[in-house]
């Protein structure tokens, strides 16, 4: 607490010299700046980016009114912000994303004694709707694999990274980006998931090696050339790479007339779906994907489409006709 308050006093200008520490003077933007700096020092880059994205959205809503004292945030203001997001065409899950993050920031201020809790988020949606997702099929994966993209190197690279993710049991793109050559030993790829810090071991297969050999760079410590300038703002390189890849995958999806929008996440989602459809036990899928529990996997799989259930229902109906 003392560290935070010291930092706060160093960063916040106040017009009342007799009251250098006054919670009514704390601006939301100032508070977020301090919190994100603290998060950076602990390596929580993803949460830092989330908070920055949230405050940027809120400041866009504020417009010419500018920043706001945290203690002036009330239910009416948050309801107005939610309406602003809806008017931009954002779906409920996206508006909820901003609301949950803004609420987390607000709660941090309350917990640290920087604001009085006025429960301003009581009347806005902060839940998560189950979205209808259609996982890519084995046929779709084969179509992507068989595309001749030799004349489009950028698309070909994105396609190959997509396949590498699929081959490695749906490895997350951030984990792929930071894979080092030293992670591969004696035919086993060993790495820790950045999201959960859980260690995973994957038997090295021929298709994986083909992709790595194709893009081999002896001067880089990385297994794949996603981070092309080691040691230089690697996080930004990763973010740029995933943005570029997802744009390319959308184009690839159009080429194969995919019924779903392709992204780096689809490879992970597709692997789990295909495993499920091949009657792989839930416990095996959970372990393969590095989930903390089977319950996490169960929730993950619950968002798949109902095609298997629909087929079963159709068979039952036919059985009585």
C-alpha atoms as a PDB file:
ATOM      1  CA  UNK A   1       0.000   0.000   0.000  1.00  0.00           C
ATOM      2  CA  UNK A   2       2.774   2.420   0.940  1.00  0.00           C
ATOM      3  CA  UNK A   3       4.532   1.815  -2.361  1.00  0.00           C
ATOM      4  CA  UNK A   4       1.356   2.468  -4.317  1.00  0.00           C
ATOM      5  CA  UNK A   5       0.553   5.656  -2.426  1.00  0.00           C
ATOM      6  CA  UNK A   6       4.096   6.931  -2.834  1.00  0.00           C
ATOM      7  CA  UNK A   7       3.899   6.327  -6.560  1.00  0.00           C
ATOM      8  CA  UNK A   8       0.488   7.917  -6.656  1.00  0.00           C
ATOM      9  CA  UNK A   9       1.704  11.095  -4.944  1.00  0.00           C
ATOM     10  CA  UNK A  10       4.617  11.297  -7.360  1.00  0.00           C
ATOM     11  CA  UNK A  11       2.352  11.050 -10.409  1.00  0.00           C
ATOM     12  CA  UNK A  12      -0.791  12.926  -9.440  1.00  0.00           C
ATOM     13  CA  UNK A  13      -0.905  16.703  -9.500  1.00  0.00           C
ATOM     14  CA  UNK A  14      -3.389  18.222  -7.080  1.00  0.00           C
ATOM     15  CA  UNK A  15      -4.599  21.763  -6.783  1.00  0.00           C
ATOM     16  CA  UNK A  16      -4.912  21.481  -2.993  1.00  0.00           C
ATOM     17  CA  UNK A  17      -1.398  21.582  -1.553  1.00  0.00           C
ATOM     18  CA  UNK A  18      -2.741  20.995   1.956  1.00  0.00           C
ATOM     19  CA  UNK A  19      -4.299  17.686   0.887  1.00  0.00           C
ATOM     20  CA  UNK A  20      -1.738  15.814  -1.303  1.00  0.00           C
ATOM     21  CA  UNK A  21      -3.582  12.570  -0.664  1.00  0.00           C
ATOM     22  CA  UNK A  22      -7.288  12.921  -1.340  1.00  0.00           C
ATOM     23  CA  UNK A  23      -9.289  10.081  -2.850  1.00  0.00           C
ATOM     24  CA  UNK A  24     -11.722  12.479  -4.517  1.00  0.00           C
ATOM     25  CA  UNK A  25      -8.865  13.771  -6.693  1.00  0.00           C
ATOM     26  CA  UNK A  26      -7.827  10.416  -8.132  1.00  0.00           C
ATOM     27  CA  UNK A  27      -8.437  10.226 -11.866  1.00  0.00           C
ATOM     28  CA  UNK A  28      -9.316   6.884 -13.437  1.00  0.00           C
ATOM     29  CA  UNK A  29      -6.704   7.256 -16.178  1.00  0.00           C
ATOM     30  CA  UNK A  30      -3.981   8.045 -13.659  1.00  0.00           C
ATOM     31  CA  UNK A  31      -4.922   5.059 -11.554  1.00  0.00           C
ATOM     32  CA  UNK A  32      -4.878   2.719 -14.572  1.00  0.00           C
ATOM     33  CA  UNK A  33      -1.456   4.041 -15.614  1.00  0.00           C
ATOM     34  CA  UNK A  34      -0.031   3.202 -12.206  1.00  0.00           C
ATOM     35  CA  UNK A  35      -1.681  -0.218 -12.060  1.00  0.00           C
ATOM     36  CA  UNK A  36      -0.480  -1.206 -15.545  1.00  0.00           C
ATOM     37  CA  UNK A  37       3.070  -0.143 -14.708  1.00  0.00           C
ATOM     38  CA  UNK A  38       2.937  -2.441 -11.696  1.00  0.00           C
ATOM     39  CA  UNK A  39       1.556  -5.271 -13.819  1.00  0.00           C
ATOM     40  CA  UNK A  40       4.376  -4.865 -16.328  1.00  0.00           C
ATOM     41  CA  UNK A  41       6.996  -5.294 -13.611  1.00  0.00           C
ATOM     42  CA  UNK A  42       5.438  -8.639 -12.660  1.00  0.00           C
ATOM     43  CA  UNK A  43       5.307  -9.844 -16.273  1.00  0.00           C
ATOM     44  CA  UNK A  44       1.506  -9.710 -16.580  1.00  0.00           C
ATOM     45  CA  UNK A  45       1.600  -8.325 -20.109  1.00  0.00           C
ATOM     46  CA  UNK A  46      -1.715  -9.767 -21.240  1.00  0.00           C
ATOM     47  CA  UNK A  47      -3.621  -8.214 -18.336  1.00  0.00           C
ATOM     48  CA  UNK A  48      -1.771  -4.947 -18.926  1.00  0.00           C
ATOM     49  CA  UNK A  49      -2.948  -4.880 -22.541  1.00  0.00           C
ATOM     50  CA  UNK A  50      -6.492  -5.719 -21.470  1.00  0.00           C
ATOM     51  CA  UNK A  51      -6.619  -2.831 -19.002  1.00  0.00           C
ATOM     52  CA  UNK A  52      -5.117  -0.412 -21.536  1.00  0.00           C
ATOM     53  CA  UNK A  53      -7.673  -1.495 -24.151  1.00  0.00           C
ATOM     54  CA  UNK A  54     -10.456  -0.981 -21.615  1.00  0.00           C
ATOM     55  CA  UNK A  55      -9.377   2.501 -20.510  1.00  0.00           C
ATOM     56  CA  UNK A  56      -8.928   3.544 -24.158  1.00  0.00           C
ATOM     57  CA  UNK A  57     -12.491   2.452 -24.870  1.00  0.00           C
ATOM     58  CA  UNK A  58     -13.808   4.289 -21.817  1.00  0.00           C
ATOM     59  CA  UNK A  59     -11.914   7.466 -22.740  1.00  0.00           C
ATOM     60  CA  UNK A  60     -13.391   7.267 -26.233  1.00  0.00           C
ATOM     61  CA  UNK A  61     -16.798   7.189 -24.572  1.00  0.00           C
ATOM     62  CA  UNK A  62     -15.877  10.193 -22.406  1.00  0.00           C
ATOM     63  CA  UNK A  63     -14.797  12.202 -25.440  1.00  0.00           C
ATOM     64  CA  UNK A  64     -14.437  15.933 -24.775  1.00  0.00           C
ATOM     65  CA  UNK A  65     -15.462  15.410 -21.150  1.00  0.00           C
ATOM     66  CA  UNK A  66     -12.043  13.921 -20.503  1.00  0.00           C
ATOM     67  CA  UNK A  67     -10.907  11.789 -17.586  1.00  0.00           C
ATOM     68  CA  UNK A  68     -13.091  11.273 -14.524  1.00  0.00           C
ATOM     69  CA  UNK A  69     -12.442  11.062 -10.800  1.00  0.00           C
ATOM     70  CA  UNK A  70     -12.980   7.486  -9.666  1.00  0.00           C
ATOM     71  CA  UNK A  71     -15.381   8.651  -6.974  1.00  0.00           C
ATOM     72  CA  UNK A  72     -17.547  10.326  -9.605  1.00  0.00           C
ATOM     73  CA  UNK A  73     -18.172   7.017 -11.379  1.00  0.00           C
ATOM     74  CA  UNK A  74     -21.775   6.020 -10.743  1.00  0.00           C
ATOM     75  CA  UNK A  75     -24.431   3.691 -12.069  1.00  0.00           C
ATOM     76  CA  UNK A  76     -25.821   6.218 -14.565  1.00  0.00           C
ATOM     77  CA  UNK A  77     -22.390   6.768 -16.084  1.00  0.00           C
ATOM     78  CA  UNK A  78     -21.761   3.045 -16.503  1.00  0.00           C
ATOM     79  CA  UNK A  79     -25.204   2.486 -18.021  1.00  0.00           C
ATOM     80  CA  UNK A  80     -24.438   5.307 -20.462  1.00  0.00           C
ATOM     81  CA  UNK A  81     -21.091   3.682 -21.294  1.00  0.00           C
ATOM     82  CA  UNK A  82     -22.814   0.357 -21.973  1.00  0.00           C
ATOM     83  CA  UNK A  83     -25.246   2.116 -24.330  1.00  0.00           C
ATOM     84  CA  UNK A  84     -22.278   3.727 -26.078  1.00  0.00           C
ATOM     85  CA  UNK A  85     -20.740   0.292 -26.674  1.00  0.00           C
ATOM     86  CA  UNK A  86     -24.032  -1.151 -27.936  1.00  0.00           C
ATOM     87  CA  UNK A  87     -24.478   1.770 -30.319  1.00  0.00           C
ATOM     88  CA  UNK A  88     -21.100   0.867 -31.814  1.00  0.00           C
ATOM     89  CA  UNK A  89     -22.581  -2.523 -32.723  1.00  0.00           C
ATOM     90  CA  UNK A  90     -20.684  -4.577 -30.139  1.00  0.00           C
ATOM     91  CA  UNK A  91     -22.246  -7.883 -29.133  1.00  0.00           C
ATOM     92  CA  UNK A  92     -23.183  -8.544 -25.473  1.00  0.00           C
ATOM     93  CA  UNK A  93     -20.072 -10.633 -24.767  1.00  0.00           C
ATOM     94  CA  UNK A  94     -17.846  -7.799 -25.986  1.00  0.00           C
ATOM     95  CA  UNK A  95     -19.634  -5.109 -23.990  1.00  0.00           C
ATOM     96  CA  UNK A  96     -19.460  -7.434 -20.984  1.00  0.00           C
ATOM     97  CA  UNK A  97     -15.713  -7.821 -21.555  1.00  0.00           C
ATOM     98  CA  UNK A  98     -15.206  -4.078 -21.140  1.00  0.00           C
ATOM     99  CA  UNK A  99     -17.586  -3.917 -18.178  1.00  0.00           C
ATOM    100  CA  UNK A 100     -15.851  -6.734 -16.315  1.00  0.00           C
ATOM    101  CA  UNK A 101     -12.426  -5.211 -16.830  1.00  0.00           C
ATOM    102  CA  UNK A 102     -13.553  -1.731 -15.844  1.00  0.00           C
ATOM    103  CA  UNK A 103     -15.207  -3.222 -12.764  1.00  0.00           C
ATOM    104  CA  UNK A 104     -11.956  -5.024 -11.886  1.00  0.00           C
ATOM    105  CA  UNK A 105     -10.052  -1.741 -12.148  1.00  0.00           C
ATOM    106  CA  UNK A 106     -12.664   0.042 -10.041  1.00  0.00           C
ATOM    107  CA  UNK A 107     -12.540  -2.694  -7.401  1.00  0.00           C
ATOM    108  CA  UNK A 108      -8.756  -2.406  -7.222  1.00  0.00           C
ATOM    109  CA  UNK A 109      -9.134   1.283  -6.395  1.00  0.00           C
ATOM    110  CA  UNK A 110     -11.672   0.444  -3.699  1.00  0.00           C
ATOM    111  CA  UNK A 111      -9.486  -2.302  -2.226  1.00  0.00           C
ATOM    112  CA  UNK A 112      -6.512   0.043  -1.998  1.00  0.00           C
ATOM    113  CA  UNK A 113      -8.528   2.706  -0.234  1.00  0.00           C
ATOM    114  CA  UNK A 114      -8.468   5.002  -3.250  1.00  0.00           C
ATOM    115  CA  UNK A 115     -12.240   5.123  -3.754  1.00  0.00           C
ATOM    116  CA  UNK A 116     -15.537   4.534  -2.006  1.00  0.00           C
ATOM    117  CA  UNK A 117     -17.508   1.581  -3.372  1.00  0.00           C
ATOM    118  CA  UNK A 118     -20.701   2.907  -4.959  1.00  0.00           C
ATOM    119  CA  UNK A 119     -21.527  -0.364  -6.813  1.00  0.00           C
ATOM    120  CA  UNK A 120     -21.813   1.345 -10.215  1.00  0.00           C
ATOM    121  CA  UNK A 121     -21.924  -1.921 -12.182  1.00  0.00           C
ATOM    122  CA  UNK A 122     -25.110  -3.300 -10.624  1.00  0.00           C
ATOM    123  CA  UNK A 123     -27.325  -2.488 -13.612  1.00  0.00           C
ATOM    124  CA  UNK A 124     -25.161  -3.480 -16.584  1.00  0.00           C
ATOM    125  CA  UNK A 125     -24.482  -6.897 -18.120  1.00  0.00           C
ATOM    126  CA  UNK A 126     -21.260  -8.519 -16.920  1.00  0.00           C
ATOM    127  CA  UNK A 127     -21.997 -12.150 -17.758  1.00  0.00           C
ATOM    128  CA  UNK A 128     -20.848 -14.391 -20.601  1.00  0.00           C
ATOM    129  CA  UNK A 129     -23.308 -15.721 -23.155  1.00  0.00           C
ATOM    130  CA  UNK A 130     -22.614 -19.121 -24.589  1.00  0.00           C
ATOM    131  CA  UNK A 131     -21.706 -18.489 -28.197  1.00  0.00           C
ATOM    132  CA  UNK A 132     -22.551 -20.889 -30.982  1.00  0.00           C
ATOM    133  CA  UNK A 133     -19.295 -22.164 -32.438  1.00  0.00           C
ATOM    134  CA  UNK A 134     -18.815 -24.511 -35.328  1.00  0.00           C
ATOM    135  CA  UNK A 135     -15.497 -26.271 -35.031  1.00  0.00           C
ATOM    136  CA  UNK A 136     -13.587 -27.059 -38.195  1.00  0.00           C
ATOM    137  CA  UNK A 137     -13.813 -30.658 -39.412  1.00  0.00           C
ATOM    138  CA  UNK A 138     -11.090 -33.095 -40.425  1.00  0.00           C
ATOM    139  CA  UNK A 139     -12.085 -32.403 -44.033  1.00  0.00           C
ATOM    140  CA  UNK A 140     -11.574 -28.696 -43.484  1.00  0.00           C
ATOM    141  CA  UNK A 141      -8.115 -29.292 -42.046  1.00  0.00           C
ATOM    142  CA  UNK A 142      -7.216 -31.421 -45.085  1.00  0.00           C
ATOM    143  CA  UNK A 143      -8.416 -28.698 -47.458  1.00  0.00           C
ATOM    144  CA  UNK A 144      -6.210 -26.168 -45.698  1.00  0.00           C
ATOM    145  CA  UNK A 145      -3.251 -28.553 -45.788  1.00  0.00           C
ATOM    146  CA  UNK A 146      -3.666 -29.314 -49.491  1.00  0.00           C
ATOM    147  CA  UNK A 147      -3.876 -25.702 -50.664  1.00  0.00           C
ATOM    148  CA  UNK A 148      -1.119 -24.724 -53.071  1.00  0.00           C
ATOM    149  CA  UNK A 149       0.101 -21.444 -51.622  1.00  0.00           C
ATOM    150  CA  UNK A 150       3.607 -21.519 -53.058  1.00  0.00           C
ATOM    151  CA  UNK A 151       2.977 -18.242 -54.897  1.00  0.00           C
ATOM    152  CA  UNK A 152       1.765 -16.572 -51.669  1.00  0.00           C
ATOM    153  CA  UNK A 153       4.588 -17.016 -49.099  1.00  0.00           C
ATOM    154  CA  UNK A 154       2.839 -14.985 -46.410  1.00  0.00           C
ATOM    155  CA  UNK A 155      -0.337 -17.064 -46.661  1.00  0.00           C
ATOM    156  CA  UNK A 156       1.705 -20.247 -46.812  1.00  0.00           C
ATOM    157  CA  UNK A 157       3.539 -19.362 -43.594  1.00  0.00           C
ATOM    158  CA  UNK A 158       0.274 -18.593 -41.784  1.00  0.00           C
ATOM    159  CA  UNK A 159      -1.201 -21.870 -43.042  1.00  0.00           C
ATOM    160  CA  UNK A 160       1.811 -23.797 -41.823  1.00  0.00           C
ATOM    161  CA  UNK A 161       1.639 -22.191 -38.383  1.00  0.00           C
ATOM    162  CA  UNK A 162      -2.048 -23.099 -38.230  1.00  0.00           C
ATOM    163  CA  UNK A 163      -1.178 -26.721 -39.036  1.00  0.00           C
ATOM    164  CA  UNK A 164       1.671 -26.736 -36.511  1.00  0.00           C
ATOM    165  CA  UNK A 165      -0.801 -25.658 -33.837  1.00  0.00           C
ATOM    166  CA  UNK A 166      -3.160 -28.444 -34.851  1.00  0.00           C
ATOM    167  CA  UNK A 167      -0.382 -31.050 -34.919  1.00  0.00           C
ATOM    168  CA  UNK A 168       0.716 -30.026 -31.424  1.00  0.00           C
ATOM    169  CA  UNK A 169      -2.733 -30.638 -29.885  1.00  0.00           C
ATOM    170  CA  UNK A 170      -3.953 -27.122 -30.440  1.00  0.00           C
ATOM    171  CA  UNK A 171      -0.945 -25.266 -29.064  1.00  0.00           C
ATOM    172  CA  UNK A 172      -1.804 -21.618 -28.373  1.00  0.00           C
ATOM    173  CA  UNK A 173      -0.146 -19.134 -30.711  1.00  0.00           C
ATOM    174  CA  UNK A 174       1.658 -17.343 -27.889  1.00  0.00           C
ATOM    175  CA  UNK A 175       3.266 -20.624 -26.838  1.00  0.00           C
ATOM    176  CA  UNK A 176       4.289 -21.328 -30.420  1.00  0.00           C
ATOM    177  CA  UNK A 177       5.815 -17.864 -30.746  1.00  0.00           C
ATOM    178  CA  UNK A 178       8.087 -18.330 -27.747  1.00  0.00           C
ATOM    179  CA  UNK A 179       9.094 -21.954 -28.330  1.00  0.00           C
ATOM    180  CA  UNK A 180      12.870 -22.317 -28.168  1.00  0.00           C
ATOM    181  CA  UNK A 181      14.984 -24.934 -29.899  1.00  0.00           C
ATOM    182  CA  UNK A 182      16.050 -26.150 -26.469  1.00  0.00           C
ATOM    183  CA  UNK A 183      12.395 -27.111 -25.806  1.00  0.00           C
ATOM    184  CA  UNK A 184      12.864 -30.016 -28.225  1.00  0.00           C
ATOM    185  CA  UNK A 185      14.937 -32.854 -26.789  1.00  0.00           C
ATOM    186  CA  UNK A 186      15.175 -36.521 -27.718  1.00  0.00           C
ATOM    187  CA  UNK A 187      12.014 -36.457 -29.808  1.00  0.00           C
ATOM    188  CA  UNK A 188       9.919 -34.761 -27.110  1.00  0.00           C
ATOM    189  CA  UNK A 189       8.725 -31.152 -27.185  1.00  0.00           C
ATOM    190  CA  UNK A 190       8.531 -29.823 -23.630  1.00  0.00           C
ATOM    191  CA  UNK A 191       7.126 -26.394 -22.856  1.00  0.00           C
ATOM    192  CA  UNK A 192       5.069 -24.484 -20.302  1.00  0.00           C
ATOM    193  CA  UNK A 193       1.781 -22.889 -21.220  1.00  0.00           C
ATOM    194  CA  UNK A 194       2.043 -19.157 -20.723  1.00  0.00           C
ATOM    195  CA  UNK A 195      -1.598 -18.993 -19.665  1.00  0.00           C
ATOM    196  CA  UNK A 196      -1.439 -21.569 -16.869  1.00  0.00           C
ATOM    197  CA  UNK A 197       2.296 -22.260 -16.430  1.00  0.00           C
ATOM    198  CA  UNK A 198       1.485 -25.954 -16.800  1.00  0.00           C
ATOM    199  CA  UNK A 199       4.193 -28.093 -18.376  1.00  0.00           C
ATOM    200  CA  UNK A 200       3.210 -30.138 -21.434  1.00  0.00           C
ATOM    201  CA  UNK A 201       5.148 -32.864 -23.238  1.00  0.00           C
ATOM    202  CA  UNK A 202       4.412 -33.700 -26.870  1.00  0.00           C
ATOM    203  CA  UNK A 203       5.897 -36.518 -28.894  1.00  0.00           C
ATOM    204  CA  UNK A 204       7.636 -35.018 -31.922  1.00  0.00           C
ATOM    205  CA  UNK A 205       5.967 -36.149 -35.151  1.00  0.00           C
ATOM    206  CA  UNK A 206       7.097 -35.970 -38.768  1.00  0.00           C
ATOM    207  CA  UNK A 207       4.623 -33.224 -39.863  1.00  0.00           C
ATOM    208  CA  UNK A 208       5.904 -30.992 -37.054  1.00  0.00           C
ATOM    209  CA  UNK A 209       9.501 -31.489 -38.150  1.00  0.00           C
ATOM    210  CA  UNK A 210       8.623 -30.759 -41.783  1.00  0.00           C
ATOM    211  CA  UNK A 211       7.303 -27.319 -40.823  1.00  0.00           C
ATOM    212  CA  UNK A 212      10.218 -26.516 -38.523  1.00  0.00           C
ATOM    213  CA  UNK A 213      12.742 -27.605 -41.169  1.00  0.00           C
ATOM    214  CA  UNK A 214      10.970 -25.536 -43.799  1.00  0.00           C
ATOM    215  CA  UNK A 215      11.495 -22.338 -41.810  1.00  0.00           C
ATOM    216  CA  UNK A 216      14.744 -23.205 -40.067  1.00  0.00           C
ATOM    217  CA  UNK A 217      16.940 -20.297 -38.979  1.00  0.00           C
ATOM    218  CA  UNK A 218      20.263 -21.326 -37.482  1.00  0.00           C
ATOM    219  CA  UNK A 219      20.838 -17.823 -36.103  1.00  0.00           C
ATOM    220  CA  UNK A 220      17.712 -17.750 -33.966  1.00  0.00           C
ATOM    221  CA  UNK A 221      17.066 -19.448 -30.603  1.00  0.00           C
ATOM    222  CA  UNK A 222      13.393 -19.824 -31.541  1.00  0.00           C
ATOM    223  CA  UNK A 223      11.956 -22.970 -33.081  1.00  0.00           C
ATOM    224  CA  UNK A 224       9.685 -21.003 -35.431  1.00  0.00           C
ATOM    225  CA  UNK A 225      10.389 -17.600 -37.050  1.00  0.00           C
ATOM    226  CA  UNK A 226       7.490 -15.772 -35.388  1.00  0.00           C
ATOM    227  CA  UNK A 227       9.791 -13.650 -33.241  1.00  0.00           C
ATOM    228  CA  UNK A 228      12.249 -12.512 -35.909  1.00  0.00           C
ATOM    229  CA  UNK A 229      14.292 -10.108 -33.774  1.00  0.00           C
ATOM    230  CA  UNK A 230      15.192 -11.922 -30.549  1.00  0.00           C
ATOM    231  CA  UNK A 231      15.521  -9.674 -27.529  1.00  0.00           C
ATOM    232  CA  UNK A 232      13.829  -6.698 -29.172  1.00  0.00           C
ATOM    233  CA  UNK A 233      10.298  -5.976 -27.885  1.00  0.00           C
ATOM    234  CA  UNK A 234       9.316  -9.611 -28.369  1.00  0.00           C
ATOM    235  CA  UNK A 235       5.817  -9.109 -26.980  1.00  0.00           C
ATOM    236  CA  UNK A 236       5.021  -6.536 -29.664  1.00  0.00           C
ATOM    237  CA  UNK A 237       6.423  -8.831 -32.358  1.00  0.00           C
ATOM    238  CA  UNK A 238       4.124 -11.594 -31.127  1.00  0.00           C
ATOM    239  CA  UNK A 239       1.054  -9.319 -31.184  1.00  0.00           C
ATOM    240  CA  UNK A 240       1.882  -8.118 -34.686  1.00  0.00           C
ATOM    241  CA  UNK A 241       2.411 -11.695 -35.865  1.00  0.00           C
ATOM    242  CA  UNK A 242      -0.900 -13.026 -34.551  1.00  0.00           C
ATOM    243  CA  UNK A 243      -2.769 -10.081 -36.071  1.00  0.00           C
ATOM    244  CA  UNK A 244      -1.110 -10.698 -39.430  1.00  0.00           C
ATOM    245  CA  UNK A 245      -1.729 -14.446 -39.220  1.00  0.00           C
ATOM    246  CA  UNK A 246      -5.418 -14.080 -38.410  1.00  0.00           C
ATOM    247  CA  UNK A 247      -5.903 -11.748 -41.370  1.00  0.00           C
ATOM    248  CA  UNK A 248      -4.238 -14.315 -43.613  1.00  0.00           C
ATOM    249  CA  UNK A 249      -6.323 -17.152 -42.183  1.00  0.00           C
ATOM    250  CA  UNK A 250      -9.520 -15.284 -43.017  1.00  0.00           C
ATOM    251  CA  UNK A 251      -8.378 -15.198 -46.633  1.00  0.00           C
ATOM    252  CA  UNK A 252      -7.463 -18.881 -46.537  1.00  0.00           C
ATOM    253  CA  UNK A 253     -10.878 -19.642 -45.084  1.00  0.00           C
ATOM    254  CA  UNK A 254     -12.510 -17.899 -48.020  1.00  0.00           C
ATOM    255  CA  UNK A 255     -10.401 -19.991 -50.408  1.00  0.00           C
ATOM    256  CA  UNK A 256     -11.726 -23.255 -48.998  1.00  0.00           C
ATOM    257  CA  UNK A 257     -15.215 -21.794 -48.447  1.00  0.00           C
ATOM    258  CA  UNK A 258     -15.002 -22.474 -44.733  1.00  0.00           C
ATOM    259  CA  UNK A 259     -18.355 -22.151 -42.928  1.00  0.00           C
ATOM    260  CA  UNK A 260     -16.511 -20.524 -40.008  1.00  0.00           C
ATOM    261  CA  UNK A 261     -14.059 -17.642 -39.864  1.00  0.00           C
ATOM    262  CA  UNK A 262     -10.574 -19.086 -39.521  1.00  0.00           C
ATOM    263  CA  UNK A 263      -8.239 -17.824 -36.809  1.00  0.00           C
ATOM    264  CA  UNK A 264      -5.315 -19.179 -34.824  1.00  0.00           C
ATOM    265  CA  UNK A 265      -7.808 -20.289 -32.178  1.00  0.00           C
ATOM    266  CA  UNK A 266      -9.698 -22.494 -34.661  1.00  0.00           C
ATOM    267  CA  UNK A 267      -6.795 -24.952 -34.808  1.00  0.00           C
ATOM    268  CA  UNK A 268      -7.053 -25.510 -31.033  1.00  0.00           C
ATOM    269  CA  UNK A 269     -10.822 -25.643 -31.108  1.00  0.00           C
ATOM    270  CA  UNK A 270     -10.722 -27.991 -34.095  1.00  0.00           C
ATOM    271  CA  UNK A 271      -8.312 -30.420 -32.458  1.00  0.00           C
ATOM    272  CA  UNK A 272     -10.540 -30.720 -29.391  1.00  0.00           C
ATOM    273  CA  UNK A 273     -13.662 -31.131 -31.508  1.00  0.00           C
ATOM    274  CA  UNK A 274     -12.157 -33.823 -33.713  1.00  0.00           C
ATOM    275  CA  UNK A 275     -10.841 -35.627 -30.632  1.00  0.00           C
ATOM    276  CA  UNK A 276     -14.325 -35.503 -29.100  1.00  0.00           C
ATOM    277  CA  UNK A 277     -15.936 -36.798 -32.293  1.00  0.00           C
ATOM    278  CA  UNK A 278     -13.435 -39.658 -32.329  1.00  0.00           C
ATOM    279  CA  UNK A 279     -14.607 -40.672 -28.848  1.00  0.00           C
ATOM    280  CA  UNK A 280     -11.376 -39.646 -27.141  1.00  0.00           C
ATOM    281  CA  UNK A 281     -12.109 -39.589 -23.382  1.00  0.00           C
ATOM    282  CA  UNK A 282     -12.634 -36.210 -21.782  1.00  0.00           C
ATOM    283  CA  UNK A 283      -9.754 -36.854 -19.387  1.00  0.00           C
ATOM    284  CA  UNK A 284      -7.360 -37.397 -22.317  1.00  0.00           C
ATOM    285  CA  UNK A 285      -8.532 -34.250 -24.127  1.00  0.00           C
ATOM    286  CA  UNK A 286      -8.155 -32.260 -20.906  1.00  0.00           C
ATOM    287  CA  UNK A 287      -4.608 -33.501 -20.332  1.00  0.00           C
ATOM    288  CA  UNK A 288      -3.643 -33.000 -23.981  1.00  0.00           C
ATOM    289  CA  UNK A 289      -4.801 -29.386 -24.010  1.00  0.00           C
ATOM    290  CA  UNK A 290      -3.212 -28.507 -20.700  1.00  0.00           C
ATOM    291  CA  UNK A 291      -6.440 -27.571 -18.969  1.00  0.00           C
ATOM    292  CA  UNK A 292      -6.351 -27.221 -15.195  1.00  0.00           C
ATOM    293  CA  UNK A 293      -9.286 -29.589 -14.768  1.00  0.00           C
ATOM    294  CA  UNK A 294     -11.759 -31.711 -16.699  1.00  0.00           C
ATOM    295  CA  UNK A 295     -14.406 -29.185 -15.755  1.00  0.00           C
ATOM    296  CA  UNK A 296     -12.532 -26.563 -17.785  1.00  0.00           C
ATOM    297  CA  UNK A 297     -12.524 -28.940 -20.745  1.00  0.00           C
ATOM    298  CA  UNK A 298     -16.203 -29.690 -20.226  1.00  0.00           C
ATOM    299  CA  UNK A 299     -17.036 -25.987 -20.391  1.00  0.00           C
ATOM    300  CA  UNK A 300     -14.771 -25.647 -23.425  1.00  0.00           C
ATOM    301  CA  UNK A 301     -16.476 -28.468 -25.289  1.00  0.00           C
ATOM    302  CA  UNK A 302     -19.938 -27.223 -24.328  1.00  0.00           C
ATOM    303  CA  UNK A 303     -19.645 -24.407 -26.860  1.00  0.00           C
ATOM    304  CA  UNK A 304     -19.427 -26.813 -29.807  1.00  0.00           C
ATOM    305  CA  UNK A 305     -22.319 -27.123 -32.216  1.00  0.00           C
ATOM    306  CA  UNK A 306     -25.068 -29.656 -31.687  1.00  0.00           C
ATOM    307  CA  UNK A 307     -24.449 -31.740 -34.813  1.00  0.00           C
ATOM    308  CA  UNK A 308     -23.651 -34.946 -32.905  1.00  0.00           C
ATOM    309  CA  UNK A 309     -26.715 -34.538 -30.685  1.00  0.00           C
ATOM    310  CA  UNK A 310     -28.873 -33.714 -33.703  1.00  0.00           C
ATOM    311  CA  UNK A 311     -27.712 -36.886 -35.475  1.00  0.00           C
ATOM    312  CA  UNK A 312     -28.509 -38.947 -32.399  1.00  0.00           C
ATOM    313  CA  UNK A 313     -31.957 -37.394 -32.153  1.00  0.00           C
ATOM    314  CA  UNK A 314     -32.594 -38.045 -35.834  1.00  0.00           C
ATOM    315  CA  UNK A 315     -31.636 -41.702 -35.382  1.00  0.00           C
ATOM    316  CA  UNK A 316     -33.973 -42.042 -32.397  1.00  0.00           C
ATOM    317  CA  UNK A 317     -36.867 -40.488 -34.297  1.00  0.00           C
ATOM    318  CA  UNK A 318     -36.271 -42.782 -37.269  1.00  0.00           C
ATOM    319  CA  UNK A 319     -36.249 -45.766 -34.950  1.00  0.00           C
ATOM    320  CA  UNK A 320     -39.921 -45.294 -34.123  1.00  0.00           C
ATOM    321  CA  UNK A 321     -41.167 -44.458 -37.595  1.00  0.00           C
END
